[in-house]
Every structure is written in C-alpha cells, then in structure tokens.
Protein backbone atom coordinates (compact mmCIF):
# COMPACT_ATOMS: atom_id res chain seq x y z
CA MET A 1 119.39 86.01 96.12
CA TYR A 2 116.47 84.28 97.88
CA ARG A 3 119.07 82.11 99.62
CA GLU A 4 120.49 85.30 101.17
CA VAL A 5 117.07 85.99 102.68
CA LEU A 6 116.74 82.47 104.07
CA ALA A 7 120.26 82.63 105.54
CA ALA A 8 119.52 86.04 107.04
CA GLU A 9 116.39 84.65 108.67
CA GLN A 10 118.57 82.20 110.60
CA ARG A 11 121.09 84.86 111.67
CA LEU A 12 118.35 87.22 112.83
CA ALA A 13 116.40 84.62 114.79
CA GLY A 14 116.13 85.74 118.39
CA ILE A 15 117.88 89.04 117.60
CA ALA A 16 115.52 91.02 115.36
CA HIS A 17 111.93 91.49 116.49
CA LYS A 18 109.25 89.55 114.70
CA THR A 19 107.15 92.65 114.10
CA PRO A 20 103.36 92.61 114.28
CA VAL A 21 101.04 92.42 111.30
CA LEU A 22 98.08 94.72 111.94
CA THR A 23 94.73 94.94 110.21
CA SER A 24 91.88 97.42 110.29
CA SER A 25 88.30 96.97 109.12
CA LEU A 26 88.14 100.76 108.73
CA LEU A 27 91.15 100.74 106.40
CA ASN A 28 89.79 97.77 104.48
CA GLN A 29 86.50 99.55 103.96
CA HIS A 30 88.23 102.75 102.86
CA THR A 31 90.50 101.01 100.33
CA ASP A 32 88.08 98.28 99.18
CA ASN A 33 90.81 95.72 99.86
CA GLU A 34 92.03 93.37 102.58
CA ILE A 35 95.15 95.10 103.92
CA TYR A 36 97.87 93.58 106.10
CA LEU A 37 100.32 96.11 107.56
CA LYS A 38 103.76 94.71 108.41
CA CYS A 39 104.76 97.20 111.11
CA GLU A 40 108.51 97.61 111.01
CA ASN A 41 108.13 100.74 113.14
CA PHE A 42 108.17 98.19 115.98
CA GLN A 43 111.51 96.74 114.84
CA ARG A 44 114.66 97.41 116.87
CA ILE A 45 115.81 101.03 116.28
CA GLY A 46 112.28 101.69 114.95
CA ALA A 47 112.79 100.58 111.35
CA PHE A 48 113.39 97.61 109.06
CA LYS A 49 117.01 98.72 108.57
CA PHE A 50 118.12 96.73 111.62
CA ARG A 51 117.51 93.51 109.71
CA GLY A 52 119.97 94.27 106.92
CA ALA A 53 122.59 95.96 109.06
CA TYR A 54 122.76 93.18 111.63
CA ASN A 55 122.86 90.51 108.97
CA ALA A 56 125.69 92.25 107.09
CA VAL A 57 127.76 92.92 110.21
CA SER A 58 127.30 89.30 111.30
CA CYS A 59 128.93 88.14 108.06
CA LEU A 60 132.18 90.08 108.59
CA THR A 61 135.39 88.19 109.25
CA ASP A 62 137.02 88.42 112.67
CA GLY A 63 139.67 90.68 111.19
CA GLN A 64 137.10 93.03 109.72
CA LYS A 65 135.27 93.18 113.02
CA ARG A 66 138.47 94.16 114.82
CA GLN A 67 139.11 96.99 112.36
CA GLY A 68 135.58 98.42 112.64
CA VAL A 69 132.77 99.49 110.36
CA VAL A 70 131.87 102.69 108.53
CA THR A 71 128.58 103.60 106.90
CA PHE A 72 126.61 106.60 105.68
CA SER A 73 122.91 107.28 106.22
CA SER A 74 120.35 110.00 106.85
CA GLY A 75 119.18 108.15 109.93
CA ASN A 76 117.62 104.70 110.06
CA HIS A 77 120.54 102.73 108.61
CA ALA A 78 122.81 104.84 110.80
CA GLN A 79 120.96 103.72 113.92
CA ALA A 80 120.73 100.14 112.68
CA THR A 81 124.45 99.85 112.02
CA ALA A 82 125.28 101.51 115.32
CA LEU A 83 123.15 99.03 117.27
CA ALA A 84 124.27 96.02 115.21
CA CYS A 85 127.89 96.91 115.97
CA LYS A 86 127.19 97.58 119.63
CA LEU A 87 125.59 94.16 120.03
CA GLN A 88 128.65 92.52 118.46
CA GLY A 89 131.33 94.66 120.13
CA ILE A 90 132.47 96.40 116.95
CA LYS A 91 133.45 100.03 116.44
CA ALA A 92 131.00 101.93 114.23
CA VAL A 93 131.62 105.22 112.43
CA VAL A 94 128.55 106.77 110.83
CA ILE A 95 128.59 109.59 108.27
CA MET A 96 125.37 111.64 108.51
CA PRO A 97 124.20 114.87 106.86
CA ALA A 98 124.42 117.83 109.21
CA ASP A 99 120.69 118.44 108.73
CA ALA A 100 119.61 114.87 109.52
CA PRO A 101 116.61 114.71 111.87
CA ALA A 102 117.76 115.46 115.41
CA VAL A 103 115.98 112.40 116.77
CA LYS A 104 117.99 110.16 114.42
CA LEU A 105 121.31 111.85 115.21
CA ALA A 106 120.66 111.48 118.95
CA ALA A 107 119.64 107.83 118.63
CA THR A 108 122.69 106.94 116.54
CA SER A 109 124.98 108.54 119.08
CA GLY A 110 123.08 106.82 121.87
CA TYR A 111 123.89 103.42 120.37
CA GLY A 112 127.57 104.25 120.71
CA ALA A 113 128.56 105.16 117.17
CA GLU A 114 131.07 107.86 116.29
CA ILE A 115 129.25 110.39 114.08
CA VAL A 116 130.90 112.33 111.27
CA THR A 117 128.64 115.05 109.84
CA TYR A 118 128.90 116.55 106.36
CA ASP A 119 127.26 119.16 104.12
CA LYS A 120 125.24 117.17 101.59
CA GLU A 121 125.19 120.15 99.20
CA SER A 122 128.97 120.38 98.88
CA GLU A 123 130.48 117.13 100.14
CA SER A 124 130.30 113.48 99.08
CA ARG A 125 129.50 110.97 101.80
CA GLU A 126 130.98 108.22 99.64
CA GLN A 127 134.29 110.06 99.38
CA ILE A 128 134.36 110.73 103.12
CA ALA A 129 133.75 107.03 103.75
CA GLN A 130 136.51 106.04 101.33
CA ASP A 131 138.96 108.41 103.00
CA LEU A 132 138.19 106.83 106.38
CA ILE A 133 138.56 103.34 104.94
CA ASN A 134 141.95 104.24 103.47
CA LYS A 135 143.09 105.69 106.80
CA HIS A 136 141.69 103.17 109.29
CA GLY A 137 140.90 99.99 107.36
CA TYR A 138 137.17 100.07 108.15
CA THR A 139 134.70 97.88 106.26
CA LEU A 140 131.84 99.70 104.54
CA ILE A 141 128.30 98.53 105.31
CA PRO A 142 126.27 100.53 102.75
CA PRO A 143 122.60 101.36 103.31
CA PHE A 144 121.15 99.22 100.52
CA ASN A 145 123.47 98.07 97.74
CA HIS A 146 124.91 95.01 99.50
CA PRO A 147 123.86 91.33 99.25
CA GLN A 148 123.61 90.71 103.00
CA VAL A 149 121.81 94.01 103.59
CA ILE A 150 119.28 93.12 100.89
CA GLY A 151 118.93 89.60 102.31
CA GLY A 152 118.22 90.94 105.77
CA GLN A 153 115.60 93.38 104.53
CA GLY A 154 113.81 90.62 102.67
CA THR A 155 113.06 88.82 105.93
CA ALA A 156 110.31 91.38 106.59
CA ALA A 157 108.32 90.05 103.63
CA LYS A 158 109.18 86.46 104.54
CA GLU A 159 107.68 86.94 108.01
CA LEU A 160 104.60 88.65 106.57
CA ILE A 161 103.87 85.87 104.09
CA ASP A 162 104.58 83.15 106.64
CA GLU A 163 102.01 84.74 108.96
CA VAL A 164 99.15 85.70 106.65
CA GLY A 165 99.57 83.28 103.75
CA ALA A 166 99.18 83.97 100.05
CA LEU A 167 98.99 87.61 98.95
CA ASP A 168 97.64 89.04 95.72
CA TYR A 169 99.90 92.10 96.06
CA LEU A 170 102.88 93.21 98.13
CA VAL A 171 103.44 96.98 98.26
CA VAL A 172 106.83 98.30 99.39
CA GLN A 173 108.38 101.76 99.50
CA CYS A 174 111.64 102.41 97.65
CA GLY A 175 114.66 104.61 98.31
CA GLY A 176 117.85 102.84 97.31
CA GLY A 177 115.90 99.64 96.74
CA GLY A 178 117.32 97.35 99.42
CA LEU A 179 113.96 96.70 101.09
CA LEU A 180 112.03 96.53 97.82
CA SER A 181 114.46 94.18 96.07
CA GLY A 182 114.83 91.89 99.08
CA CYS A 183 111.08 91.69 99.62
CA ALA A 184 110.39 91.21 95.91
CA VAL A 185 112.88 88.37 95.58
CA ILE A 186 111.50 86.37 98.49
CA ALA A 187 107.87 87.12 97.58
CA LYS A 188 108.36 85.78 94.07
CA TYR A 189 110.22 82.75 95.42
CA LEU A 190 107.42 81.91 97.86
CA GLN A 191 104.47 83.09 95.74
CA PRO A 192 105.25 83.61 92.05
CA GLU A 193 101.75 84.96 91.37
CA CYS A 194 102.04 87.74 93.95
CA ARG A 195 102.41 91.11 92.22
CA VAL A 196 105.02 93.38 93.82
CA ILE A 197 104.54 97.15 93.60
CA GLY A 198 107.22 99.66 94.54
CA VAL A 199 106.28 103.17 95.71
CA GLU A 200 108.34 106.36 95.64
CA PRO A 201 107.66 110.03 96.41
CA GLU A 202 106.95 112.05 93.27
CA LEU A 203 109.79 114.40 94.19
CA GLY A 204 112.29 111.53 94.36
CA ASP A 205 111.16 109.35 91.48
CA ASP A 206 114.53 108.12 90.21
CA ALA A 207 113.72 104.43 90.81
CA ALA A 208 110.34 104.69 89.06
CA ARG A 209 111.99 106.33 86.05
CA SER A 210 114.77 103.76 86.08
CA PHE A 211 112.27 100.91 86.24
CA LYS A 212 110.20 102.21 83.34
CA THR A 213 113.09 103.18 81.05
CA GLY A 214 115.54 100.41 81.86
CA VAL A 215 118.23 103.06 82.27
CA LEU A 216 119.53 104.08 85.70
CA GLN A 217 118.21 107.54 86.60
CA THR A 218 119.33 109.88 89.38
CA VAL A 219 117.91 112.67 91.51
CA HIS A 220 119.85 115.13 93.68
CA ASN A 221 118.63 115.74 97.24
CA PRO A 222 114.91 115.73 96.43
CA PRO A 223 112.93 117.97 98.81
CA THR A 224 110.38 115.31 99.78
CA ILE A 225 109.13 115.00 103.35
CA ALA A 226 110.02 111.29 103.10
CA ASP A 227 113.61 111.94 104.21
CA GLY A 228 114.47 108.25 104.32
CA LEU A 229 113.80 107.94 100.57
CA ARG A 230 116.02 110.75 99.31
CA THR A 231 118.59 108.36 97.86
CA ALA A 232 120.17 109.64 94.65
CA CYS A 233 119.75 106.42 92.69
CA LEU A 234 119.38 102.66 92.83
CA GLY A 235 122.52 100.54 93.15
CA ASP A 236 124.12 98.19 90.67
CA ILE A 237 122.74 95.29 92.72
CA THR A 238 119.27 96.62 93.57
CA PHE A 239 118.47 98.02 90.11
CA PRO A 240 118.59 94.70 88.21
CA LEU A 241 116.78 92.90 91.03
CA ILE A 242 113.95 95.44 90.92
CA ARG A 243 113.77 95.21 87.14
CA GLU A 244 113.50 91.42 87.36
CA TYR A 245 111.24 90.88 90.36
CA VAL A 246 109.08 94.00 90.74
CA ASP A 247 105.90 94.22 88.64
CA ASP A 248 105.36 97.97 88.71
CA MET A 249 106.54 101.24 90.28
CA VAL A 250 104.25 104.13 91.21
CA THR A 251 104.77 107.54 92.79
CA VAL A 252 102.82 109.56 95.35
CA ALA A 253 102.70 113.27 96.15
CA ASP A 254 104.04 114.56 99.44
CA GLN A 255 100.56 115.69 100.48
CA THR A 256 99.27 112.15 99.97
CA ILE A 257 102.14 110.80 102.07
CA LEU A 258 101.29 113.28 104.82
CA ASP A 259 97.55 112.48 104.68
CA THR A 260 98.34 108.77 104.96
CA MET A 261 100.72 109.32 107.84
CA TYR A 262 98.08 111.38 109.65
CA TYR A 263 95.52 108.61 109.13
CA LEU A 264 97.92 106.00 110.49
CA TRP A 265 98.59 108.10 113.59
CA THR A 266 95.07 109.24 114.36
CA ARG A 267 92.83 106.39 113.23
CA LEU A 268 95.01 103.28 113.46
CA LYS A 269 97.33 104.51 116.26
CA ILE A 270 100.40 103.49 114.24
CA VAL A 271 103.29 105.94 114.57
CA ALA A 272 104.88 105.90 111.11
CA GLU A 273 107.45 108.34 109.78
CA PRO A 274 106.78 109.88 106.34
CA SER A 275 108.93 107.27 104.59
CA GLY A 276 107.08 104.55 106.49
CA ALA A 277 103.70 105.77 105.23
CA VAL A 278 104.72 105.89 101.56
CA SER A 279 103.82 102.26 100.81
CA LEU A 280 100.24 102.66 102.01
CA ALA A 281 99.77 106.06 100.35
CA PRO A 282 98.64 104.94 96.85
CA LEU A 283 96.14 102.53 98.36
CA PHE A 284 94.89 105.11 100.83
CA ALA A 285 94.50 107.67 98.04
CA LYS A 286 92.91 105.04 95.77
CA SER A 287 95.36 105.86 93.00
CA LEU A 288 96.13 102.18 92.43
CA PRO A 289 93.31 100.50 90.46
CA ILE A 290 93.07 97.52 92.82
CA GLN A 291 89.91 96.24 94.51
CA ASN A 292 88.92 93.17 96.51
CA LYS A 293 92.48 91.90 96.81
CA LYS A 294 94.61 90.63 99.69
CA ILE A 295 97.49 93.09 100.00
CA GLY A 296 100.58 93.14 102.19
CA VAL A 297 102.02 96.59 102.94
CA ILE A 298 105.37 97.28 104.60
CA ILE A 299 105.27 100.15 107.13
CA SER A 300 109.02 100.63 107.07
CA GLY A 301 109.68 102.75 110.16
CA GLY A 302 108.52 105.14 112.84
CA ASN A 303 111.51 107.35 113.57
CA VAL A 304 110.01 110.81 113.39
CA ASP A 305 110.51 113.87 115.56
CA VAL A 306 107.07 114.36 117.11
CA ARG A 307 107.66 118.11 117.18
CA LEU A 308 108.14 118.11 113.43
CA ALA A 309 105.14 115.83 112.99
CA SER A 310 102.91 118.27 114.85
CA GLN A 311 104.02 121.03 112.49
CA LEU A 312 103.34 118.85 109.44
CA PHE A 313 99.92 117.85 110.73
CA ALA A 314 98.88 121.43 111.60
CA GLY A 315 97.61 122.20 108.12
CA ILE A 316 95.60 119.03 107.60
CA LYS A 317 91.84 119.46 107.42
CA GLU A 318 89.63 116.72 108.79
C-alpha cells in the first residue's frame, strides 16, 4: 500500500496544496512534548479529503470519466469529490444527509456537483448510490474504503515527515480509517520506529473497539460533535491496515474535543472543525501518557459553520 501513497504524491504534485506544519511553544509547554501540527484545514476545500478524492478520480479510465462519478459524504469528501471532478471535467453526483452542515452543502454545490439528499435515519446512502450506478453507469468514489483514496490521504503524513524528519509518534483522527490507514502505512514505511496512534470520539468508538477486539464493530449515527467522524464502521480495506500498522487507538470525550478546538482557535489562531481537533485532543487533555517526545499531529480540516462554532464555544469557561 505504501506504493499507492508514493504514486499519489506524483499525481497530486502541483494540484494539492503542500499544507503548512505549525508549531507553538505554548502548546509544547502545555503538553510537555514537541508538537508539529500538519494543518490540512489549509488544503483545497479545507480538508485532507481532497488528496484522496483527486487521486482516485485521476485513476479512472476515460470511459469511467465520461459516465461520471457518484459518492456519499457528510461534507468534506463531498466537497473534495466535487472539486476533483470539476478540475477534470467530470460529472459528480453527491449523496449527502439532509442535516449535513449548511456550509458543507453550499460548498459542495458551489463546486458544481449535483446533490442528492437523504434521511440518514430511514434511508441507506449505499443503496441510493447503487441505484444511481445501476441507472446511469456512474463510478463510485467512496469516502475511505478505496486504495487510491487511502493512498492520497497518506500523502499528508509523507509531507509532514519529509519536512520535520523523524517522529516518535504520529497521532491521527479516525472515522472510516482512510486517513489513519494511509498515514500509518507510509509512516511505518519511512520510520518503522514511529508509533502511530488513532483517535476517535468516545461516542463513535467503533474503530477503537474493532482495533482492540480484532472483530469489526459498528455504531449507528453517533451524536458526537465531530460530524466528520460519524462513520458506522471501518472498511474491509482500512480495518486490516489499521490492525497491522497502527500501534494503539484511544478515544476522547466531546467536551475535550470542544476544549481543544477552542484552544486552537483562540490561542493558536488555527480554525479547525471538531473532527479536525480530535487528533490533538488526547495530548491537549494529557490523557496520553507521553512526555518529551517529538509528535506529529494531523489537523484534518477546518470546514465549520462559524455560527455553530460560536454556539458551541458559548459555554466554555476560560
């Protein structure tokens, strides 16, 4: 799989942004570690998802490109696929929950995709996608469980390690596992001694349970504020990769996610969405027993409705 990451790096050159790696002496002092934040909130469409979507769309045959693409996503992969298809002149149909964040719905539409909404409580996005494929011959570009998607996501960790050198730890959030598995594979290829830690919200802990039991676990529409990590379960590609290449999985409470997000906004001036703050949360809360280590952290995205953010932040005490 590491070859998929290296191939994706070539396809994304000059297309995806090489996002900044930011540091903070204040954060280092607070966590008792040397932290390097890979800020994918500065990626095209505001999240790492552009890497995987563009890479996967680039690998389609000419015939598949003529027929068009379909995908399903709560927001960031939706935007990523929409933009990837726009850049390559391909029709994109995106299936999104009716209650997806308004900012993500608007952005996906703005990139030219046709949006199909559904009720996530009573309808299956997978079935809707299959019906559209049967009718129109679209190619499915799934959010995470796809070799080229995983390969594209792994380029975030490749860039981070190329820039800052050897890491003791790499900490990555996990929804469906595309980002975590891609980053873990390339990290272990480049630096076998680097320990990779996956992080999930407590309310959506299916991947952590799967990792620890060795049996695929599921969760149904978890009510976590980290809306980008509400995936029901890992995929048949991401699950074994995470089991093989990830060293541990931990979970964090929604309040910890929110506190971390607030810190990123107010002290470091980094606009991260809740899902984007998840990876830093266990270090910020000091729930990981790690000190005096060099740690890479993926800030996965910054697509958040600022009106919602102000409501979330209202109850935080300084």
